[in-house]
Each structure stands twice: as C-alpha cells, then as structure tokens.
C-alpha atoms as a PDB file:
ATOM      1  CA  MET A   1     -64.747 -15.243  -9.103  1.00  0.00           C
ATOM      2  CA  SER A   2     -65.338 -12.142  -7.025  1.00  0.00           C
ATOM      3  CA  PHE A   3     -63.904 -10.206  -4.090  1.00  0.00           C
ATOM      4  CA  PRO A   4     -62.392 -11.245  -1.797  1.00  0.00           C
ATOM      5  CA  PHE A   5     -60.339 -13.622  -3.921  1.00  0.00           C
ATOM      6  CA  GLN A   6     -58.959 -16.762  -2.304  1.00  0.00           C
ATOM      7  CA  PRO A   7     -55.201 -17.380  -2.264  1.00  0.00           C
ATOM      8  CA  ILE A   8     -53.466 -20.193  -4.084  1.00  0.00           C
ATOM      9  CA  ASP A   9     -53.107 -23.323  -1.964  1.00  0.00           C
ATOM     10  CA  PRO A  10     -49.574 -23.902  -0.627  1.00  0.00           C
ATOM     11  CA  LEU A  11     -47.370 -26.026  -2.879  1.00  0.00           C
ATOM     12  CA  ILE A  12     -44.746 -28.208  -1.231  1.00  0.00           C
ATOM     13  CA  PRO A  13     -41.690 -28.590  -3.504  1.00  0.00           C
ATOM     14  CA  PRO A  14     -39.976 -31.996  -3.560  1.00  0.00           C
ATOM     15  CA  SER A  15     -36.557 -30.392  -3.042  1.00  0.00           C
ATOM     16  CA  SER A  16     -34.762 -27.052  -2.785  1.00  0.00           C
ATOM     17  CA  TYR A  17     -33.633 -27.234  -6.434  1.00  0.00           C
ATOM     18  CA  GLU A  18     -34.786 -24.091  -8.266  1.00  0.00           C
ATOM     19  CA  GLY A  19     -36.753 -26.076 -10.815  1.00  0.00           C
ATOM     20  CA  ASP A  20     -38.650 -27.779  -7.992  1.00  0.00           C
ATOM     21  CA  THR A  21     -39.347 -24.561  -6.085  1.00  0.00           C
ATOM     22  CA  LEU A  22     -40.289 -22.296  -9.016  1.00  0.00           C
ATOM     23  CA  ALA A  23     -44.013 -23.041  -8.789  1.00  0.00           C
ATOM     24  CA  THR A  24     -43.946 -22.548  -5.007  1.00  0.00           C
ATOM     25  CA  ASP A  25     -42.065 -19.257  -5.330  1.00  0.00           C
ATOM     26  CA  MET A  26     -44.485 -18.019  -7.984  1.00  0.00           C
ATOM     27  CA  ALA A  27     -47.538 -19.104  -6.014  1.00  0.00           C
ATOM     28  CA  SER A  28     -46.195 -17.225  -2.985  1.00  0.00           C
ATOM     29  CA  LEU A  29     -45.645 -14.048  -5.012  1.00  0.00           C
ATOM     30  CA  HIS A  30     -49.008 -14.415  -6.723  1.00  0.00           C
ATOM     31  CA  ASN A  31     -50.634 -14.671  -3.286  1.00  0.00           C
ATOM     32  CA  VAL A  32     -48.975 -11.358  -2.368  1.00  0.00           C
ATOM     33  CA  ILE A  33     -50.552  -9.839  -5.488  1.00  0.00           C
ATOM     34  CA  ILE A  34     -53.955 -11.326  -4.619  1.00  0.00           C
ATOM     35  CA  ALA A  35     -53.700 -10.066  -1.027  1.00  0.00           C
ATOM     36  CA  GLY A  36     -52.882  -6.578  -2.302  1.00  0.00           C
ATOM     37  CA  LEU A  37     -55.758  -6.677  -4.786  1.00  0.00           C
ATOM     38  CA  ASN A  38     -58.214  -7.650  -2.048  1.00  0.00           C
ATOM     39  CA  SER A  39     -56.840  -5.003   0.287  1.00  0.00           C
ATOM     40  CA  ILE A  40     -57.103  -2.136  -2.213  1.00  0.00           C
ATOM     41  CA  HIS A  41     -60.679  -3.075  -3.084  1.00  0.00           C
ATOM     42  CA  GLU A  42     -61.704  -3.431   0.572  1.00  0.00           C
ATOM     43  CA  GLN A  43     -59.911  -0.344   1.949  1.00  0.00           C
ATOM     44  CA  ALA A  44     -60.967   2.082  -0.824  1.00  0.00           C
ATOM     45  CA  SER A  45     -64.335   2.832   0.781  1.00  0.00           C
ATOM     46  CA  LYS A  46     -62.760   3.340   4.214  1.00  0.00           C
ATOM     47  CA  VAL A  47     -60.064   5.871   3.276  1.00  0.00           C
ATOM     48  CA  VAL A  48     -60.418   9.242   5.010  1.00  0.00           C
ATOM     49  CA  PRO A  49     -59.325  12.450   3.194  1.00  0.00           C
ATOM     50  CA  SER A  50     -56.018  12.686   5.067  1.00  0.00           C
ATOM     51  CA  ASP A  51     -55.101   9.170   3.932  1.00  0.00           C
ATOM     52  CA  VAL A  52     -55.904   9.542   0.233  1.00  0.00           C
ATOM     53  CA  GLN A  53     -52.310  10.214  -0.840  1.00  0.00           C
ATOM     54  CA  PRO A  54     -50.846   7.355   1.257  1.00  0.00           C
ATOM     55  CA  PHE A  55     -53.524   5.055  -0.175  1.00  0.00           C
ATOM     56  CA  MET A  56     -52.629   6.118  -3.695  1.00  0.00           C
ATOM     57  CA  GLY A  57     -48.949   5.443  -2.917  1.00  0.00           C
ATOM     58  CA  TYR A  58     -49.924   2.014  -1.594  1.00  0.00           C
ATOM     59  CA  THR A  59     -51.977   1.278  -4.707  1.00  0.00           C
ATOM     60  CA  ALA A  60     -49.187   2.526  -6.978  1.00  0.00           C
ATOM     61  CA  SER A  61     -46.769   0.098  -5.296  1.00  0.00           C
ATOM     62  CA  TRP A  62     -49.112  -2.798  -6.034  1.00  0.00           C
ATOM     63  CA  ILE A  63     -49.435  -1.704  -9.665  1.00  0.00           C
ATOM     64  CA  THR A  64     -45.650  -1.456 -10.012  1.00  0.00           C
ATOM     65  CA  LEU A  65     -45.224  -4.926  -8.508  1.00  0.00           C
ATOM     66  CA  VAL A  66     -47.675  -6.468 -10.979  1.00  0.00           C
ATOM     67  CA  GLN A  67     -46.209  -4.627 -13.970  1.00  0.00           C
ATOM     68  CA  SER A  68     -42.615  -5.452 -13.023  1.00  0.00           C
ATOM     69  CA  HIS A  69     -43.410  -9.092 -12.312  1.00  0.00           C
ATOM     70  CA  HIS A  70     -45.076  -9.737 -15.636  1.00  0.00           C
ATOM     71  CA  HIS A  71     -42.507  -7.762 -17.613  1.00  0.00           C
ATOM     72  CA  THR A  72     -39.756  -9.880 -16.041  1.00  0.00           C
ATOM     73  CA  GLU A  73     -41.606 -13.090 -16.878  1.00  0.00           C
ATOM     74  CA  GLU A  74     -42.134 -12.112 -20.499  1.00  0.00           C
ATOM     75  CA  THR A  75     -38.566 -10.867 -20.956  1.00  0.00           C
ATOM     76  CA  TYR A  76     -36.582 -13.604 -19.219  1.00  0.00           C
ATOM     77  CA  LEU A  77     -38.577 -16.602 -18.015  1.00  0.00           C
ATOM     78  CA  PHE A  78     -41.143 -17.184 -20.747  1.00  0.00           C
ATOM     79  CA  PRO A  79     -38.697 -17.185 -23.702  1.00  0.00           C
ATOM     80  CA  PHE A  80     -36.739 -19.934 -21.943  1.00  0.00           C
ATOM     81  CA  LEU A  81     -39.795 -22.017 -21.031  1.00  0.00           C
ATOM     82  CA  SER A  82     -41.265 -21.658 -24.520  1.00  0.00           C
ATOM     83  CA  LYS A  83     -38.476 -23.890 -25.853  1.00  0.00           C
ATOM     84  CA  LEU A  84     -40.491 -26.866 -24.589  1.00  0.00           C
ATOM     85  CA  TYR A  85     -43.902 -25.425 -23.758  1.00  0.00           C
ATOM     86  CA  ASP A  86     -44.596 -22.848 -26.436  1.00  0.00           C
ATOM     87  CA  ASP A  87     -48.387 -23.262 -26.486  1.00  0.00           C
ATOM     88  CA  GLU A  88     -48.739 -22.870 -22.717  1.00  0.00           C
ATOM     89  CA  ILE A  89     -46.408 -19.882 -22.593  1.00  0.00           C
ATOM     90  CA  THR A  90     -48.219 -18.205 -25.494  1.00  0.00           C
ATOM     91  CA  LYS A  91     -51.436 -18.619 -23.501  1.00  0.00           C
ATOM     92  CA  ASN A  92     -49.784 -16.982 -20.455  1.00  0.00           C
ATOM     93  CA  ILE A  93     -48.717 -13.980 -22.539  1.00  0.00           C
ATOM     94  CA  GLU A  94     -52.189 -13.627 -24.064  1.00  0.00           C
ATOM     95  CA  GLU A  95     -53.686 -13.632 -20.567  1.00  0.00           C
ATOM     96  CA  HIS A  96     -51.265 -10.861 -19.570  1.00  0.00           C
ATOM     97  CA  GLU A  97     -52.645  -8.687 -22.349  1.00  0.00           C
ATOM     98  CA  ARG A  98     -56.208  -9.190 -21.154  1.00  0.00           C
ATOM     99  CA  PHE A  99     -55.656  -7.693 -17.712  1.00  0.00           C
ATOM    100  CA  LEU A 100     -52.769  -5.284 -18.333  1.00  0.00           C
ATOM    101  CA  ARG A 101     -55.066  -2.873 -20.179  1.00  0.00           C
ATOM    102  CA  GLY A 102     -57.307  -2.621 -17.111  1.00  0.00           C
ATOM    103  CA  LEU A 103     -54.265  -2.290 -14.878  1.00  0.00           C
ATOM    104  CA  GLU A 104     -53.031   0.617 -16.994  1.00  0.00           C
ATOM    105  CA  SER A 105     -56.390   2.372 -16.637  1.00  0.00           C
ATOM    106  CA  LEU A 106     -56.092   2.063 -12.857  1.00  0.00           C
ATOM    107  CA  ASN A 107     -52.519   3.335 -13.061  1.00  0.00           C
ATOM    108  CA  ASP A 108     -53.630   6.393 -15.027  1.00  0.00           C
ATOM    109  CA  TYR A 109     -56.290   7.131 -12.424  1.00  0.00           C
ATOM    110  CA  VAL A 110     -53.808   6.810  -9.539  1.00  0.00           C
ATOM    111  CA  LYS A 111     -51.371   9.163 -11.272  1.00  0.00           C
ATOM    112  CA  GLN A 112     -54.113  11.758 -11.752  1.00  0.00           C
ATOM    113  CA  VAL A 113     -55.154  11.626  -8.102  1.00  0.00           C
ATOM    114  CA  ARG A 114     -51.565  11.780  -6.883  1.00  0.00           C
ATOM    115  CA  GLY A 115     -50.920  14.743  -9.170  1.00  0.00           C
ATOM    116  CA  GLY A 116     -53.997  16.614  -8.002  1.00  0.00           C
ATOM    117  CA  ASP A 117     -55.703  16.434 -11.401  1.00  0.00           C
ATOM    118  CA  LYS A 118     -58.538  14.264 -10.144  1.00  0.00           C
ATOM    119  CA  SER A 119     -60.444  13.813  -6.891  1.00  0.00           C
ATOM    120  CA  PHE A 120     -60.351  10.489  -5.097  1.00  0.00           C
ATOM    121  CA  ASN A 121     -63.488   8.427  -5.573  1.00  0.00           C
ATOM    122  CA  PRO A 122     -63.590   4.999  -3.887  1.00  0.00           C
ATOM    123  CA  ASP A 123     -66.307   3.780  -6.243  1.00  0.00           C
ATOM    124  CA  GLU A 124     -64.106   4.577  -9.217  1.00  0.00           C
ATOM    125  CA  VAL A 125     -61.201   2.640  -7.721  1.00  0.00           C
ATOM    126  CA  GLN A 126     -63.403  -0.393  -7.113  1.00  0.00           C
ATOM    127  CA  ASN A 127     -65.017  -0.164 -10.538  1.00  0.00           C
ATOM    128  CA  LEU A 128     -61.614  -0.009 -12.239  1.00  0.00           C
ATOM    129  CA  LEU A 129     -60.478  -3.062 -10.278  1.00  0.00           C
ATOM    130  CA  ASP A 130     -63.662  -4.920 -11.170  1.00  0.00           C
ATOM    131  CA  THR A 131     -62.857  -4.603 -14.890  1.00  0.00           C
ATOM    132  CA  PHE A 132     -59.804  -6.856 -14.686  1.00  0.00           C
ATOM    133  CA  ALA A 133     -59.521  -8.432 -11.219  1.00  0.00           C
ATOM    134  CA  GLY A 134     -61.228 -11.709 -12.129  1.00  0.00           C
ATOM    135  CA  THR A 135     -59.080 -12.139 -15.239  1.00  0.00           C
ATOM    136  CA  LEU A 136     -55.929 -11.333 -13.281  1.00  0.00           C
ATOM    137  CA  VAL A 137     -56.615 -13.796 -10.469  1.00  0.00           C
ATOM    138  CA  HIS A 138     -57.626 -16.537 -12.917  1.00  0.00           C
ATOM    139  CA  HIS A 139     -54.298 -16.047 -14.679  1.00  0.00           C
ATOM    140  CA  LEU A 140     -52.292 -15.985 -11.441  1.00  0.00           C
ATOM    141  CA  LYS A 141     -53.758 -19.334 -10.468  1.00  0.00           C
ATOM    142  CA  GLU A 142     -53.637 -20.998 -13.889  1.00  0.00           C
ATOM    143  CA  GLU A 143     -50.033 -19.978 -14.582  1.00  0.00           C
ATOM    144  CA  ILE A 144     -48.764 -22.109 -11.694  1.00  0.00           C
ATOM    145  CA  SER A 145     -49.683 -25.289 -13.581  1.00  0.00           C
ATOM    146  CA  THR A 146     -47.146 -24.370 -16.273  1.00  0.00           C
ATOM    147  CA  LEU A 147     -44.325 -24.140 -13.705  1.00  0.00           C
ATOM    148  CA  VAL A 148     -44.687 -27.360 -11.722  1.00  0.00           C
ATOM    149  CA  PRO A 149     -41.594 -29.497 -10.949  1.00  0.00           C
ATOM    150  CA  GLU A 150     -42.544 -32.240 -13.403  1.00  0.00           C
ATOM    151  CA  LYS A 151     -42.377 -29.766 -16.278  1.00  0.00           C
ATOM    152  CA  MET A 152     -39.266 -27.966 -15.079  1.00  0.00           C
ATOM    153  CA  ALA A 153     -37.511 -31.346 -14.827  1.00  0.00           C
ATOM    154  CA  LYS A 154     -37.534 -31.511 -18.634  1.00  0.00           C
ATOM    155  CA  PHE A 155     -35.008 -28.658 -18.838  1.00  0.00           C
ATOM    156  CA  ASP A 156     -31.255 -29.011 -18.556  1.00  0.00           C
ATOM    157  CA  ARG A 157     -30.350 -27.975 -15.009  1.00  0.00           C
ATOM    158  CA  ALA A 158     -27.378 -25.845 -16.028  1.00  0.00           C
ATOM    159  CA  GLU A 159     -29.460 -23.942 -18.570  1.00  0.00           C
ATOM    160  CA  PHE A 160     -32.298 -23.522 -16.092  1.00  0.00           C
ATOM    161  CA  LYS A 161     -29.887 -22.187 -13.474  1.00  0.00           C
ATOM    162  CA  GLN A 162     -28.473 -19.696 -15.953  1.00  0.00           C
ATOM    163  CA  CYS A 163     -31.973 -18.487 -16.832  1.00  0.00           C
ATOM    164  CA  MET A 164     -32.757 -17.936 -13.142  1.00  0.00           C
ATOM    165  CA  GLU A 165     -29.482 -16.103 -12.561  1.00  0.00           C
ATOM    166  CA  VAL A 166     -30.094 -13.716 -15.457  1.00  0.00           C
ATOM    167  CA  MET A 167     -33.646 -13.083 -14.274  1.00  0.00           C
ATOM    168  CA  VAL A 168     -32.575 -12.427 -10.682  1.00  0.00           C
ATOM    169  CA  ALA A 169     -29.813 -10.091 -11.878  1.00  0.00           C
ATOM    170  CA  HIS A 170     -32.438  -8.120 -13.787  1.00  0.00           C
ATOM    171  CA  ILE A 171     -34.745  -7.945 -10.766  1.00  0.00           C
ATOM    172  CA  LYS A 172     -31.903  -6.486  -8.688  1.00  0.00           C
ATOM    173  CA  THR A 173     -31.630  -3.573 -11.121  1.00  0.00           C
ATOM    174  CA  GLN A 174     -35.305  -2.633 -10.815  1.00  0.00           C
ATOM    175  CA  GLY A 175     -35.150  -0.815  -7.473  1.00  0.00           C
ATOM    176  CA  GLY A 176     -38.259  -0.822  -5.319  1.00  0.00           C
ATOM    177  CA  LEU A 177     -36.429  -0.969  -1.990  1.00  0.00           C
ATOM    178  CA  THR A 178     -38.844   1.529  -0.434  1.00  0.00           C
ATOM    179  CA  THR A 179     -41.941   0.457  -2.382  1.00  0.00           C
ATOM    180  CA  ILE A 180     -42.100  -3.103  -3.721  1.00  0.00           C
ATOM    181  CA  PHE A 181     -39.984  -4.699  -0.989  1.00  0.00           C
ATOM    182  CA  PRO A 182     -42.032  -3.312   1.939  1.00  0.00           C
ATOM    183  CA  PHE A 183     -45.188  -4.185   0.015  1.00  0.00           C
ATOM    184  CA  VAL A 184     -44.113  -7.816  -0.297  1.00  0.00           C
ATOM    185  CA  VAL A 185     -43.124  -8.266   3.357  1.00  0.00           C
ATOM    186  CA  THR A 186     -46.441  -6.796   4.542  1.00  0.00           C
ATOM    187  CA  HIS A 187     -48.580  -9.054   2.364  1.00  0.00           C
ATOM    188  CA  TYR A 188     -47.616 -12.531   3.454  1.00  0.00           C
ATOM    189  CA  ASP A 189     -47.787 -14.430   6.715  1.00  0.00           C
ATOM    190  CA  PRO A 190     -44.303 -15.701   7.655  1.00  0.00           C
ATOM    191  CA  ILE A 191     -45.783 -17.903  10.373  1.00  0.00           C
ATOM    192  CA  SER A 192     -47.887 -20.002   7.995  1.00  0.00           C
ATOM    193  CA  THR A 193     -45.280 -20.097   5.211  1.00  0.00           C
ATOM    194  CA  ILE A 194     -44.315 -23.716   4.558  1.00  0.00           C
ATOM    195  CA  SER A 195     -40.940 -24.837   5.871  1.00  0.00           C
ATOM    196  CA  ILE A 196     -38.643 -26.694   3.472  1.00  0.00           C
ATOM    197  CA  PRO A 197     -34.951 -27.356   4.231  1.00  0.00           C
ATOM    198  CA  GLY A 198     -32.852 -25.112   2.010  1.00  0.00           C
ATOM    199  CA  TRP A 199     -35.840 -23.035   0.867  1.00  0.00           C
ATOM    200  CA  SER A 200     -37.357 -19.856   2.256  1.00  0.00           C
ATOM    201  CA  TRP A 201     -39.649 -17.109   1.032  1.00  0.00           C
ATOM    202  CA  PRO A 202     -39.264 -14.389   0.042  1.00  0.00           C
ATOM    203  CA  PRO A 203     -36.077 -15.603  -1.683  1.00  0.00           C
ATOM    204  CA  LEU A 204     -34.016 -12.680  -0.401  1.00  0.00           C
ATOM    205  CA  PRO A 205     -30.870 -12.494   1.721  1.00  0.00           C
ATOM    206  CA  SER A 206     -31.735 -12.273   5.426  1.00  0.00           C
ATOM    207  CA  LEU A 207     -29.922  -8.921   5.660  1.00  0.00           C
ATOM    208  CA  LEU A 208     -32.106  -7.451   2.917  1.00  0.00           C
ATOM    209  CA  ILE A 209     -35.273  -8.658   4.645  1.00  0.00           C
ATOM    210  CA  PHE A 210     -34.007  -7.110   7.895  1.00  0.00           C
ATOM    211  CA  LEU A 211     -33.298  -3.790   6.156  1.00  0.00           C
ATOM    212  CA  THR A 212     -36.682  -3.851   4.442  1.00  0.00           C
ATOM    213  CA  ARG A 213     -38.525  -4.275   7.736  1.00  0.00           C
ATOM    214  CA  ASN A 214     -36.392  -1.920   9.786  1.00  0.00           C
ATOM    215  CA  VAL A 215     -35.125   0.760   7.376  1.00  0.00           C
ATOM    216  CA  PHE A 216     -36.812   0.852   3.956  1.00  0.00           C
ATOM    217  CA  PHE A 217     -40.253   0.347   5.505  1.00  0.00           C
ATOM    218  CA  TRP A 218     -40.113   3.728   7.216  1.00  0.00           C
ATOM    219  CA  VAL A 219     -39.525   5.788   4.075  1.00  0.00           C
ATOM    220  CA  ASN A 220     -43.179   5.361   3.064  1.00  0.00           C
ATOM    221  CA  SER A 221     -44.504   4.040   6.359  1.00  0.00           C
ATOM    222  CA  SER A 222     -47.885   5.772   5.979  1.00  0.00           C
ATOM    223  CA  TRP A 223     -48.595   3.586   2.944  1.00  0.00           C
ATOM    224  CA  TRP A 224     -48.306   0.277   4.760  1.00  0.00           C
ATOM    225  CA  LYS A 225     -51.158   0.954   7.207  1.00  0.00           C
ATOM    226  CA  PHE A 226     -53.344  -0.521   4.445  1.00  0.00           C
ATOM    227  CA  SER A 227     -51.382  -3.784   4.306  1.00  0.00           C
ATOM    228  CA  PRO A 228     -52.916  -6.912   5.880  1.00  0.00           C
ATOM    229  CA  TYR A 229     -49.737  -7.481   7.925  1.00  0.00           C
ATOM    230  CA  ASP A 230     -47.359  -5.177   9.759  1.00  0.00           C
ATOM    231  CA  ARG A 231     -43.616  -5.182   9.140  1.00  0.00           C
ATOM    232  CA  HIS A 232     -43.161  -8.138  11.511  1.00  0.00           C
ATOM    233  CA  GLY A 233     -45.826 -10.260   9.821  1.00  0.00           C
ATOM    234  CA  GLN A 234     -48.552  -9.717  12.421  1.00  0.00           C
ATOM    235  CA  PRO A 235     -52.126  -9.209  11.131  1.00  0.00           C
ATOM    236  CA  GLN A 236     -53.310  -5.598  11.209  1.00  0.00           C
ATOM    237  CA  THR A 237     -56.406  -3.588  10.336  1.00  0.00           C
ATOM    238  CA  TYR A 238     -56.440  -0.163   8.712  1.00  0.00           C
ATOM    239  CA  SER A 239     -57.035   2.623  11.219  1.00  0.00           C
ATOM    240  CA  PRO A 240     -57.602   6.092   9.710  1.00  0.00           C
ATOM    241  CA  SER A 241     -55.001   8.624  10.808  1.00  0.00           C
END
C-alpha cells in the first residue's frame, strides 16, 4: 500500500442496534483518519511559510485523534471484546504498537516545529509518515473484521450496551471541541454517507454538530484549510494564505 490510501468500503449495518453498527461506525472513523493521513502527506509539499504553524496545528489534531482513538479502544472496548475474541484483540493491540512508535516520532517533530526548535521540512514530514502509514492503514482496515455484527451478536446486549456507555462517557471527558471535532466534520462527506433509519454519523447530537461547524470550527479556522472538506461538507482544495 502507498499514498494516497483508499478508504474502507461502506458497511451497511442490518439494524440500528449498537452491536450491528459498531463496524460501520469504526469504518467511518477510520476513513476520517485515512483522509487526514492522505491530506497531511499531500499538502506538506505545498505549505507556504505563513501556513506552517496552521499546518502543524492541523497535523497535531490528526495525531491527537489517532492517539485518543486507540487509547480508548485499548482501555474500554478491547478488554470487553477479548472475553470472546482474545486472539483477535491481542493482534489488534500488537498492531497498535507497530505504528504508534512512528506516530510518536511525528508528534515529537510537530512539537519541535510548533515550539520554534526546528524548521519545517516537508520532506521530513512525508518521510516520517512513510515509516508507519502502511502499517496504520492495514490495521485500520483489518480491525473492522473483528467488529462485524455476526461477532458482536455473541455478546449479551445489556453488557454490550454498558460497555458502549462507559466508553462514550470517557470520550466526552477528552475535550477536543476545537480540534478533534472540527477535524472529524471536515474529513467526511455527509452527502455520500449511507442512510440507515435510526443511525447517523458522526454519532453526535445534532446540536453538537451544529456548534462544531458554526462555533468551534472558528477557533482554529486557519487549520482546516488543509481539510478535504469545508465545514459544510463541500470538497475544498488548499489555497495558500
């Protein structure tokens, strides 16, 4: 696999039950991560000096999203799923370790550039991404097979619901209103998102999506010029400021 990486094919859940939609939700989020990965790699060579700091803020948001997502999985979701699928979940965790080291190297670089300790070099950004991007995307695609409805149907529904509630409660404590949330809404196409009665993506209250697009977006608005979509979900292309 190489840049640009292809997204995961849409998965149509059989119902709006959380166990049926988990794989679809994860595939949608993983596609946001893939879109961000492609965007950072593509835009790096186009960034003009005045946009270096916004680009680093944009890249930092993607890094935070990936780190937060996998930490949440390992802390809340994977321990529950390992009750029935220990071997598969162990494999998922091992795959996390393979790309998180490369992600941390990129994170260190971004921090140095943002802090003025290092000059921006697009080749360095792309080279750092190249060290782990293929492993990351392979994992993002393979993990979906461990979350399909047939496997989630093996779990007690009440216990599964409790696991999801605890995980969502944790996510709500992680912040990201002006970073992760705008990143997510500018990296998916709401027009092509599959329509299932009782299910929508992102799985956020409509008021929060409205606030993300119309309030939180503007706090770091210069960052989102690098996103593939604007705040309304329309395709956009980076134009140097």
